[in-house]
C-alpha atoms as a PDB file:
ATOM      1  CA  MET A   1     -29.375   5.765  21.828  1.00  0.00           C
ATOM      2  CA  ASN A   2     -26.889   5.754  24.674  1.00  0.00           C
ATOM      3  CA  ILE A   3     -27.386   8.398  27.325  1.00  0.00           C
ATOM      4  CA  SER A   4     -24.165   9.697  28.848  1.00  0.00           C
ATOM      5  CA  ARG A   5     -23.729  11.014  32.363  1.00  0.00           C
ATOM      6  CA  ARG A   6     -23.545  14.499  30.876  1.00  0.00           C
ATOM      7  CA  ASP A   7     -26.895  14.023  29.103  1.00  0.00           C
ATOM      8  CA  PHE A   8     -28.448  12.785  32.334  1.00  0.00           C
ATOM      9  CA  TRP A   9     -27.116  15.430  34.720  1.00  0.00           C
ATOM     10  CA  ARG A  10     -27.437  18.551  32.530  1.00  0.00           C
ATOM     11  CA  PRO A  11     -31.246  18.939  32.815  1.00  0.00           C
ATOM     12  CA  ILE A  12     -31.182  17.964  36.497  1.00  0.00           C
ATOM     13  CA  PHE A  13     -28.560  20.636  37.214  1.00  0.00           C
ATOM     14  CA  GLY A  14     -30.684  23.122  35.244  1.00  0.00           C
ATOM     15  CA  LEU A  15     -33.756  22.193  37.276  1.00  0.00           C
ATOM     16  CA  ILE A  16     -31.895  22.791  40.533  1.00  0.00           C
ATOM     17  CA  ALA A  17     -30.325  26.032  39.288  1.00  0.00           C
ATOM     18  CA  LEU A  18     -33.721  27.466  38.283  1.00  0.00           C
ATOM     19  CA  GLN A  19     -35.508  26.709  41.557  1.00  0.00           C
ATOM     20  CA  PRO A  20     -34.716  30.040  43.266  1.00  0.00           C
ATOM     21  CA  LEU A  21     -36.264  31.910  40.320  1.00  0.00           C
ATOM     22  CA  VAL A  22     -39.254  29.575  40.242  1.00  0.00           C
ATOM     23  CA  LEU A  23     -39.845  30.017  43.964  1.00  0.00           C
ATOM     24  CA  ILE A  24     -39.642  33.815  43.635  1.00  0.00           C
ATOM     25  CA  TRP A  25     -42.089  33.617  40.705  1.00  0.00           C
ATOM     26  CA  CYS A  26     -44.517  31.559  42.784  1.00  0.00           C
ATOM     27  CA  MET A  27     -44.271  33.922  45.740  1.00  0.00           C
ATOM     28  CA  TYR A  28     -44.705  37.011  43.530  1.00  0.00           C
ATOM     29  CA  PHE A  29     -47.782  35.639  41.742  1.00  0.00           C
ATOM     30  CA  ASP A  30     -49.109  33.810  44.823  1.00  0.00           C
ATOM     31  CA  LEU A  31     -48.943  30.360  43.187  1.00  0.00           C
ATOM     32  CA  ASP A  32     -48.712  27.041  44.977  1.00  0.00           C
ATOM     33  CA  TYR A  33     -45.342  25.638  43.892  1.00  0.00           C
ATOM     34  CA  LEU A  34     -46.122  21.908  44.042  1.00  0.00           C
ATOM     35  CA  GLN A  35     -49.584  22.214  42.545  1.00  0.00           C
ATOM     36  CA  ASN A  36     -48.542  24.430  39.634  1.00  0.00           C
ATOM     37  CA  LEU A  37     -44.867  24.027  38.796  1.00  0.00           C
ATOM     38  CA  GLY A  38     -43.185  21.345  40.902  1.00  0.00           C
ATOM     39  CA  ILE A  39     -44.438  18.223  39.135  1.00  0.00           C
ATOM     40  CA  PHE A  40     -44.296  19.923  35.722  1.00  0.00           C
ATOM     41  CA  SER A  41     -40.632  20.804  36.303  1.00  0.00           C
ATOM     42  CA  ILE A  42     -39.785  17.202  37.139  1.00  0.00           C
ATOM     43  CA  VAL A  43     -41.629  15.862  34.079  1.00  0.00           C
ATOM     44  CA  CYS A  44     -39.865  18.408  31.842  1.00  0.00           C
ATOM     45  CA  THR A  45     -36.500  17.429  33.302  1.00  0.00           C
ATOM     46  CA  LEU A  46     -37.099  13.744  32.583  1.00  0.00           C
ATOM     47  CA  TYR A  47     -38.261  14.629  29.057  1.00  0.00           C
ATOM     48  CA  LEU A  48     -35.127  16.686  28.401  1.00  0.00           C
ATOM     49  CA  ILE A  49     -32.684  13.864  29.214  1.00  0.00           C
ATOM     50  CA  PRO A  50     -33.158  12.029  25.860  1.00  0.00           C
ATOM     51  CA  VAL A  51     -33.593  15.351  24.031  1.00  0.00           C
ATOM     52  CA  TYR A  52     -30.168  16.518  25.218  1.00  0.00           C
ATOM     53  CA  ALA A  53     -28.690  13.123  24.334  1.00  0.00           C
ATOM     54  CA  TRP A  54     -29.984  13.431  20.772  1.00  0.00           C
ATOM     55  CA  TYR A  55     -28.835  17.058  20.493  1.00  0.00           C
ATOM     56  CA  GLU A  56     -25.310  16.256  21.698  1.00  0.00           C
ATOM     57  CA  ARG A  57     -24.981  13.393  19.179  1.00  0.00           C
ATOM     58  CA  LYS A  58     -26.295  15.589  16.358  1.00  0.00           C
ATOM     59  CA  CYS A  59     -23.823  18.368  17.204  1.00  0.00           C
ATOM     60  CA  ASN A  60     -20.940  15.903  17.465  1.00  0.00           C
ATOM     61  CA  ASP A  61     -21.832  14.449  14.053  1.00  0.00           C
ATOM     62  CA  MET A  62     -21.952  17.941  12.541  1.00  0.00           C
ATOM     63  CA  GLU A  63     -18.539  18.789  13.990  1.00  0.00           C
ATOM     64  CA  LYS A  64     -17.114  15.642  12.423  1.00  0.00           C
ATOM     65  CA  MET A  65     -18.458  16.786   9.056  1.00  0.00           C
ATOM     66  CA  GLN A  66     -16.899  20.210   9.729  1.00  0.00           C
ATOM     67  CA  ALA A  67     -20.109  22.049   8.936  1.00  0.00           C
ATOM     68  CA  LEU A  68     -19.356  25.690   9.645  1.00  0.00           C
ATOM     69  CA  VAL A  69     -22.865  27.136   9.755  1.00  0.00           C
ATOM     70  CA  GLY A  70     -26.366  25.730   9.945  1.00  0.00           C
ATOM     71  CA  TRP A  71     -27.846  22.269   9.776  1.00  0.00           C
ATOM     72  CA  PRO A  72     -26.983  20.144   6.747  1.00  0.00           C
ATOM     73  CA  TYR A  73     -29.969  19.322   4.558  1.00  0.00           C
END
């Protein structure tokens, strides 16, 4: 599976965009950011890169088949 620049950058952009909310969450619940969420967020971001790549290819294939609704079975 080829991973495009879009597949690579989408979860990284999402990670960066969510950080203000995560930091507020940690401050509100008195959590240590790095110990509780920092590493987990990075691992999730790396995991999502191939997931997004697969999802994009699946959606592109469905559009080519002109499926209007739902997943073809």
